[in-house]
Amino acid sequence: MKLMNTEDAVGQMLCHDITQIIRGVKKGPVFKKGHIITEEDVPVLLSVGKEHVYIWEVDETMLHENDAAQVLCDISINDNMHPGPVSEGKIELIADCPGVFKVDSGRLLAVNALGEMMIASRHGNFPVKKGDKLAGMRVIPLIIEKAKMEKAREAAAGGQIFSLLPYRHRKVGIVTTGSEVYYGRIQDTFTPVLLDKLAGFDTEIVGHELSNDAAEMTEAAIRHLLEAGADMILCSGGMSVDPDDRTPLAIRTVADRVVTYGAPVLPGAMFMLAYKGEDNIPILGLPGCVMYAKRTIFDLVLPRIMAGEVLEKSDFDRLGEGGLCLNCPVCIFPNCGFGR
């Protein structure tokens, strides 16, 4: 790469995009990398403040910003996403389907720590829609040593930094617990909330059981739904530590493995997750806050379960930082700090 006076660069090839900014009208390249400068181009270049331009000179030890950005893309991109066009040495990744965006934080940090290059993304473990921007990447200088980009490949350790898990079809069974609902003393207002939250995913309801406060009845209801083909069970109510709240006992009895009873999230501290069988059928115990609070731990967990993730206790332990919903007057979740 060689720096030349613009007036002397006629006939030379630009090695970088030239950006033009017109407030409120345009921000973009007026000349692209590889453009051969003509006499007519000189006044335009001067008008955008380019009294000097960089001309491409072949050097086998260096990479142009666009080619280096492609290296970053190669170690980042995965299934269910595609790159946008290379522009001014930058590439963005776009979601091909709705699902849960995942970030390998260790690999991302290792690459960004190298310097002279950057990859920025949205937070991992959150839902995205088809067409959403997932990440952007570029190198900082116009050219960079090939050896440094090889270090970026090594920092990624042969894996991809990002992944996008598409949602799966789920056959859902719902167990509504509580003697007050079972005996018709009050109306069931919990189930409509669950149906509303499930409506954003590919689900079918295979059954809805009512149970009084007896753990044995709740256990029987869960087993009945499993026999009906449910591959996900939602149990609502009866999740506190009160002596007559027996839903956790019923879930423990049916499940083969309890991941957690309790989570560092507000609202949602009394949440429970367990799994049944080799297929890891999730059984969720949902505390009362899911019924009345705008956003709770259920909103953090549901997309990941719908994407087929089998969660472990460590996934919940990490939720403490950012696990406090601020109950904002205007909810902008998931574009906020809750659960991050």
Protein backbone atom coordinates (compact mmCIF):
# COMPACT_ATOMS: atom_id res chain seq x y z
CA MET A 1 0.00 0.00 0.00
CA LYS A 2 1.41 3.38 -1.04
CA LEU A 3 0.23 6.89 -0.18
CA MET A 4 -0.02 9.24 -3.19
CA ASN A 5 -1.22 12.76 -3.86
CA THR A 6 -4.72 12.50 -5.29
CA GLU A 7 -3.80 14.61 -8.34
CA ASP A 8 -0.97 12.17 -9.11
CA ALA A 9 -3.02 9.01 -8.66
CA VAL A 10 -4.86 8.95 -12.00
CA GLY A 11 -4.67 5.44 -13.43
CA GLN A 12 -3.92 3.87 -10.04
CA MET A 13 -6.10 1.33 -8.20
CA LEU A 14 -7.68 2.26 -4.88
CA CYS A 15 -6.94 -0.23 -2.11
CA HIS A 16 -9.84 0.89 0.11
CA ASP A 17 -13.36 2.25 -0.14
CA ILE A 18 -13.78 6.03 -0.13
CA THR A 19 -16.71 7.09 2.06
CA GLN A 20 -18.92 10.08 1.37
CA ILE A 21 -21.12 11.52 4.11
CA ILE A 22 -23.90 13.97 3.30
CA ARG A 23 -25.85 14.73 6.47
CA GLY A 24 -29.36 13.38 6.31
CA VAL A 25 -28.85 12.09 2.78
CA LYS A 26 -26.05 9.57 2.45
CA LYS A 27 -23.27 7.68 4.16
CA GLY A 28 -21.53 5.16 1.97
CA PRO A 29 -18.70 4.47 -0.43
CA VAL A 30 -18.44 6.87 -3.35
CA PHE A 31 -15.60 4.75 -4.79
CA LYS A 32 -15.05 1.08 -4.01
CA LYS A 33 -11.86 -0.86 -3.47
CA GLY A 34 -10.34 -1.74 -6.84
CA HIS A 35 -11.62 1.38 -8.59
CA ILE A 36 -9.20 2.84 -11.16
CA ILE A 37 -8.92 6.57 -10.56
CA THR A 38 -9.76 8.83 -13.54
CA GLU A 39 -9.28 12.54 -14.10
CA GLU A 40 -12.99 13.06 -13.40
CA ASP A 41 -12.64 11.35 -10.04
CA VAL A 42 -10.06 13.79 -8.67
CA PRO A 43 -12.51 16.66 -7.84
CA VAL A 44 -14.86 14.16 -6.18
CA LEU A 45 -12.04 12.76 -4.05
CA LEU A 46 -10.97 16.23 -3.03
CA SER A 47 -14.57 17.14 -2.14
CA VAL A 48 -14.67 14.32 0.42
CA GLY A 49 -11.41 15.44 1.97
CA LYS A 50 -9.07 13.02 0.24
CA GLU A 51 -6.02 15.04 -0.76
CA HIS A 52 -4.09 11.77 -0.56
CA VAL A 53 -5.19 8.24 -1.38
CA TYR A 54 -3.77 4.82 -0.68
CA ILE A 55 -2.85 2.80 -3.75
CA TRP A 56 -2.66 -0.94 -3.64
CA GLU A 57 0.78 -2.48 -3.89
CA VAL A 58 1.02 -6.26 -3.85
CA ASP A 59 2.69 -7.57 -0.71
CA GLU A 60 2.44 -11.28 -0.02
CA THR A 61 2.79 -10.77 3.73
CA MET A 62 -0.23 -8.46 4.07
CA LEU A 63 -4.00 -8.71 3.66
CA HIS A 64 -6.40 -6.00 2.57
CA GLU A 65 -9.11 -5.06 5.07
CA ASN A 66 -11.82 -6.80 3.03
CA ASP A 67 -9.88 -10.05 2.82
CA ALA A 68 -9.01 -9.89 6.50
CA ALA A 69 -12.65 -9.28 7.39
CA GLN A 70 -13.47 -12.44 5.47
CA VAL A 71 -11.12 -14.37 7.78
CA LEU A 72 -13.07 -13.06 10.77
CA CYS A 73 -16.29 -14.05 9.06
CA ASP A 74 -14.98 -17.57 8.41
CA ILE A 75 -14.26 -18.17 12.10
CA SER A 76 -17.57 -16.65 13.19
CA ILE A 77 -20.28 -17.82 10.82
CA ASN A 78 -22.28 -20.98 11.35
CA ASP A 79 -25.46 -22.67 10.12
CA ASN A 80 -28.69 -20.66 9.91
CA MET A 81 -26.96 -17.33 9.25
CA HIS A 82 -25.45 -15.58 6.24
CA PRO A 83 -22.98 -12.75 5.67
CA GLY A 84 -23.96 -9.41 4.23
CA PRO A 85 -21.82 -7.77 1.56
CA VAL A 86 -18.31 -6.62 2.41
CA SER A 87 -18.30 -2.85 2.74
CA GLU A 88 -15.36 -0.73 3.85
CA GLY A 89 -13.74 -3.77 5.39
CA LYS A 90 -16.81 -4.73 7.43
CA ILE A 91 -19.03 -7.81 7.28
CA GLU A 92 -22.28 -8.38 9.17
CA LEU A 93 -24.00 -11.69 9.93
CA ILE A 94 -27.76 -11.98 9.45
CA ALA A 95 -30.15 -14.60 10.90
CA ASP A 96 -31.75 -16.99 8.41
CA CYS A 97 -34.45 -18.20 10.81
CA PRO A 98 -35.94 -17.51 14.22
CA GLY A 99 -34.11 -19.16 17.09
CA VAL A 100 -31.69 -18.67 19.96
CA PHE A 101 -28.39 -16.93 19.25
CA LYS A 102 -25.37 -18.47 20.95
CA VAL A 103 -21.95 -16.91 21.55
CA ASP A 104 -18.75 -18.71 22.47
CA SER A 105 -17.56 -15.97 24.80
CA GLY A 106 -14.10 -17.45 25.27
CA ARG A 107 -13.33 -17.55 21.56
CA LEU A 108 -14.81 -14.08 21.04
CA LEU A 109 -12.63 -12.62 23.78
CA ALA A 110 -9.52 -14.38 22.48
CA VAL A 111 -9.94 -12.88 19.00
CA ASN A 112 -10.76 -9.36 20.21
CA ALA A 113 -7.76 -9.46 22.56
CA LEU A 114 -5.40 -9.75 19.58
CA GLY A 115 -5.91 -6.09 18.67
CA GLU A 116 -6.22 -4.48 15.22
CA MET A 117 -9.41 -6.46 14.65
CA MET A 118 -12.85 -6.61 16.22
CA ILE A 119 -15.99 -8.72 16.34
CA ALA A 120 -19.09 -7.23 18.00
CA SER A 121 -22.29 -9.18 18.55
CA ARG A 122 -25.60 -9.07 20.31
CA HIS A 123 -25.88 -10.97 23.59
CA GLY A 124 -25.97 -14.74 23.46
CA ASN A 125 -28.77 -16.98 24.76
CA PHE A 126 -31.44 -14.60 23.51
CA PRO A 127 -34.11 -15.05 20.84
CA VAL A 128 -33.69 -13.57 17.38
CA LYS A 129 -35.95 -13.33 14.36
CA LYS A 130 -35.22 -14.07 10.73
CA GLY A 131 -33.40 -11.08 9.25
CA ASP A 132 -32.00 -9.85 12.57
CA LYS A 133 -28.43 -8.58 12.62
CA LEU A 134 -26.34 -10.93 14.74
CA ALA A 135 -22.79 -9.59 14.61
CA GLY A 136 -20.41 -7.31 12.76
CA MET A 137 -16.66 -7.63 12.24
CA ARG A 138 -13.76 -5.77 10.68
CA VAL A 139 -10.05 -5.11 10.99
CA ILE A 140 -8.97 -1.66 12.15
CA PRO A 141 -6.13 -0.81 9.71
CA LEU A 142 -6.51 -0.81 5.93
CA ILE A 143 -4.08 -3.70 5.67
CA ILE A 144 -2.95 -6.23 8.25
CA GLU A 145 -0.31 -8.92 8.47
CA LYS A 146 -1.41 -12.34 7.24
CA ALA A 147 0.35 -13.82 10.26
CA LYS A 148 -1.92 -11.87 12.60
CA MET A 149 -5.03 -13.19 10.88
CA GLU A 150 -3.63 -16.70 11.28
CA LYS A 151 -3.46 -15.95 15.00
CA ALA A 152 -7.15 -15.10 14.84
CA ARG A 153 -7.85 -18.52 13.34
CA GLU A 154 -5.79 -20.10 16.11
CA ALA A 155 -7.62 -18.08 18.77
CA ALA A 156 -10.90 -19.50 17.50
CA ALA A 157 -9.39 -22.94 18.17
CA GLY A 158 -10.89 -24.54 15.10
CA GLY A 159 -14.48 -23.75 16.10
CA GLN A 160 -17.09 -21.18 15.23
CA ILE A 161 -17.70 -18.22 17.52
CA PHE A 162 -21.44 -18.01 16.86
CA SER A 163 -24.32 -20.41 16.37
CA LEU A 164 -28.06 -20.06 15.87
CA LEU A 165 -30.32 -22.80 17.21
CA PRO A 166 -33.67 -22.90 15.37
CA TYR A 167 -36.81 -23.52 17.36
CA ARG A 168 -38.23 -27.05 17.39
CA HIS A 169 -41.82 -28.23 17.31
CA ARG A 170 -42.98 -29.05 20.82
CA LYS A 171 -45.95 -31.04 22.09
CA VAL A 172 -46.81 -29.27 25.31
CA GLY A 173 -48.76 -30.54 28.28
CA ILE A 174 -50.03 -28.09 30.91
CA VAL A 175 -50.82 -28.94 34.54
CA THR A 176 -52.66 -26.24 36.46
CA THR A 177 -52.40 -26.87 40.19
CA GLY A 178 -54.30 -25.45 43.15
CA SER A 179 -57.45 -26.58 44.93
CA GLU A 180 -59.00 -23.14 44.45
CA VAL A 181 -58.92 -23.64 40.67
CA TYR A 182 -59.62 -27.38 40.70
CA TYR A 183 -62.82 -26.96 42.70
CA GLY A 184 -63.93 -23.93 40.67
CA ARG A 185 -63.64 -21.42 43.48
CA ILE A 186 -61.67 -19.05 41.24
CA GLN A 187 -61.05 -18.79 37.53
CA ASP A 188 -57.85 -20.16 36.03
CA THR A 189 -55.97 -17.05 34.91
CA PHE A 190 -52.56 -18.75 34.68
CA THR A 191 -53.15 -20.95 31.64
CA PRO A 192 -54.11 -18.06 29.29
CA VAL A 193 -50.77 -16.42 30.11
CA LEU A 194 -48.91 -19.62 29.20
CA LEU A 195 -50.84 -20.02 25.96
CA ASP A 196 -50.03 -16.44 25.04
CA LYS A 197 -46.30 -16.99 25.61
CA LEU A 198 -46.33 -20.28 23.72
CA ALA A 199 -48.06 -18.66 20.76
CA GLY A 200 -44.74 -17.24 19.58
CA PHE A 201 -43.33 -20.73 19.02
CA ASP A 202 -44.12 -23.89 17.06
CA THR A 203 -46.19 -25.76 19.64
CA GLU A 204 -49.29 -27.87 20.00
CA ILE A 205 -51.11 -28.45 23.27
CA VAL A 206 -51.60 -32.20 23.76
CA GLY A 207 -53.46 -31.84 27.02
CA HIS A 208 -54.42 -29.63 29.94
CA GLU A 209 -54.88 -31.19 33.37
CA LEU A 210 -56.23 -29.64 36.57
CA SER A 211 -54.95 -30.81 39.95
CA ASN A 212 -55.75 -29.97 43.53
CA ASP A 213 -52.95 -29.44 46.05
CA ALA A 214 -52.24 -33.14 46.52
CA ALA A 215 -48.80 -34.08 45.16
CA GLU A 216 -50.13 -37.48 44.11
CA MET A 217 -52.78 -35.91 41.87
CA THR A 218 -50.27 -33.54 40.26
CA GLU A 219 -47.90 -36.45 39.70
CA ALA A 220 -50.66 -38.45 38.01
CA ALA A 221 -51.52 -35.49 35.79
CA ILE A 222 -47.89 -35.16 34.65
CA ARG A 223 -47.66 -38.88 33.89
CA HIS A 224 -50.92 -38.78 31.94
CA LEU A 225 -49.62 -35.98 29.74
CA LEU A 226 -46.35 -37.83 29.14
CA GLU A 227 -48.32 -40.87 28.06
CA ALA A 228 -50.30 -38.61 25.71
CA GLY A 229 -47.06 -37.75 23.89
CA ALA A 230 -46.06 -34.48 25.55
CA ASP A 231 -42.37 -33.65 25.12
CA MET A 232 -42.59 -30.62 27.38
CA ILE A 233 -44.57 -30.18 30.60
CA LEU A 234 -45.52 -26.86 32.22
CA CYS A 235 -46.75 -27.00 35.80
CA SER A 236 -48.25 -23.76 37.05
CA GLY A 237 -48.71 -22.83 40.69
CA GLY A 238 -47.88 -24.45 44.01
CA MET A 239 -44.17 -23.63 43.74
CA SER A 240 -43.52 -21.77 47.00
CA VAL A 241 -42.12 -23.23 50.21
CA ASP A 242 -45.52 -23.18 51.92
CA PRO A 243 -46.42 -26.61 53.39
CA ASP A 244 -49.43 -26.98 51.07
CA ASP A 245 -47.46 -26.19 47.89
CA ARG A 246 -46.66 -29.68 46.63
CA THR A 247 -45.85 -29.17 42.94
CA PRO A 248 -42.05 -29.50 43.45
CA LEU A 249 -42.57 -32.86 45.17
CA ALA A 250 -44.68 -34.11 42.27
CA ILE A 251 -42.07 -32.99 39.72
CA ARG A 252 -39.26 -34.65 41.71
CA THR A 253 -41.21 -37.90 41.87
CA VAL A 254 -41.82 -38.07 38.11
CA ALA A 255 -38.52 -36.68 36.84
CA ASP A 256 -35.27 -38.58 36.49
CA ARG A 257 -33.12 -35.51 37.08
CA VAL A 258 -33.80 -32.19 38.81
CA VAL A 259 -31.60 -29.41 37.46
CA THR A 260 -32.67 -26.67 39.83
CA TYR A 261 -35.34 -25.64 42.27
CA GLY A 262 -34.66 -21.96 42.69
CA ALA A 263 -32.85 -19.47 40.47
CA PRO A 264 -31.09 -16.09 41.00
CA VAL A 265 -33.75 -14.22 39.02
CA LEU A 266 -36.43 -11.78 40.13
CA PRO A 267 -39.22 -12.32 39.29
CA GLY A 268 -38.85 -16.09 39.24
CA ALA A 269 -36.78 -17.22 42.22
CA MET A 270 -39.00 -20.28 42.86
CA PHE A 271 -38.65 -21.67 39.34
CA MET A 272 -37.97 -25.40 38.89
CA LEU A 273 -36.57 -27.39 35.97
CA ALA A 274 -36.27 -31.16 35.73
CA TYR A 275 -35.89 -33.70 32.92
CA LYS A 276 -37.55 -37.03 32.23
CA GLY A 277 -36.06 -39.96 30.33
CA GLU A 278 -33.28 -40.35 27.80
CA ASP A 279 -34.99 -37.78 25.56
CA ASN A 280 -34.60 -35.16 28.29
CA ILE A 281 -38.24 -34.11 28.31
CA PRO A 282 -38.28 -30.82 30.25
CA ILE A 283 -40.70 -30.44 33.16
CA LEU A 284 -41.00 -26.85 34.33
CA GLY A 285 -42.42 -25.67 37.63
CA LEU A 286 -43.62 -22.11 37.14
CA PRO A 287 -44.07 -19.81 40.15
CA GLY A 288 -47.01 -17.45 40.45
CA CYS A 289 -45.04 -14.44 39.21
CA VAL A 290 -45.23 -15.86 35.67
CA MET A 291 -48.98 -15.19 35.80
CA TYR A 292 -48.86 -11.54 36.83
CA ALA A 293 -45.40 -10.12 36.01
CA LYS A 294 -44.65 -8.84 32.54
CA ARG A 295 -41.27 -10.58 32.29
CA THR A 296 -39.89 -13.39 34.45
CA ILE A 297 -37.41 -16.24 34.36
CA PHE A 298 -39.86 -18.08 32.10
CA ASP A 299 -39.12 -15.56 29.34
CA LEU A 300 -35.40 -16.26 29.73
CA VAL A 301 -35.70 -20.05 29.74
CA LEU A 302 -38.53 -20.74 27.29
CA PRO A 303 -36.71 -19.80 24.05
CA ARG A 304 -33.70 -21.94 24.95
CA ILE A 305 -35.85 -24.94 25.72
CA MET A 306 -37.81 -24.41 22.53
CA ALA A 307 -34.49 -24.48 20.65
CA GLY A 308 -33.68 -27.87 22.12
CA GLU A 309 -31.08 -26.84 24.69
CA VAL A 310 -30.68 -29.11 27.69
CA LEU A 311 -29.93 -26.66 30.48
CA GLU A 312 -27.70 -27.31 33.47
CA LYS A 313 -27.52 -25.68 36.88
CA SER A 314 -24.56 -23.56 35.75
CA ASP A 315 -26.82 -21.93 33.13
CA PHE A 316 -29.01 -20.67 35.96
CA ASP A 317 -26.15 -19.71 38.24
CA ARG A 318 -24.93 -17.26 35.56
CA LEU A 319 -28.26 -15.44 35.53
CA GLY A 320 -27.64 -13.62 38.81
CA GLU A 321 -25.87 -10.69 37.18
CA GLY A 322 -28.64 -9.11 35.12
CA GLY A 323 -31.27 -11.30 36.72
CA LEU A 324 -33.17 -8.39 38.24
CA CYS A 325 -36.06 -7.14 36.11
CA LEU A 326 -36.52 -3.40 36.69
CA ASN A 327 -40.22 -3.51 35.77
CA CYS A 328 -39.85 -0.54 33.44
CA PRO A 329 -43.03 1.43 32.64
CA VAL A 330 -42.49 0.59 28.97
CA CYS A 331 -41.13 -2.93 28.56
CA ILE A 332 -38.55 -3.29 25.78
CA PHE A 333 -37.47 -6.86 26.56
CA PRO A 334 -35.40 -8.53 25.16
CA ASN A 335 -33.66 -5.27 24.20
CA CYS A 336 -32.71 -4.53 27.82
CA GLY A 337 -30.39 -5.79 30.53
CA PHE A 338 -32.74 -8.42 32.01
CA GLY A 339 -31.12 -11.84 31.93
CA ARG A 340 -27.85 -10.67 30.36
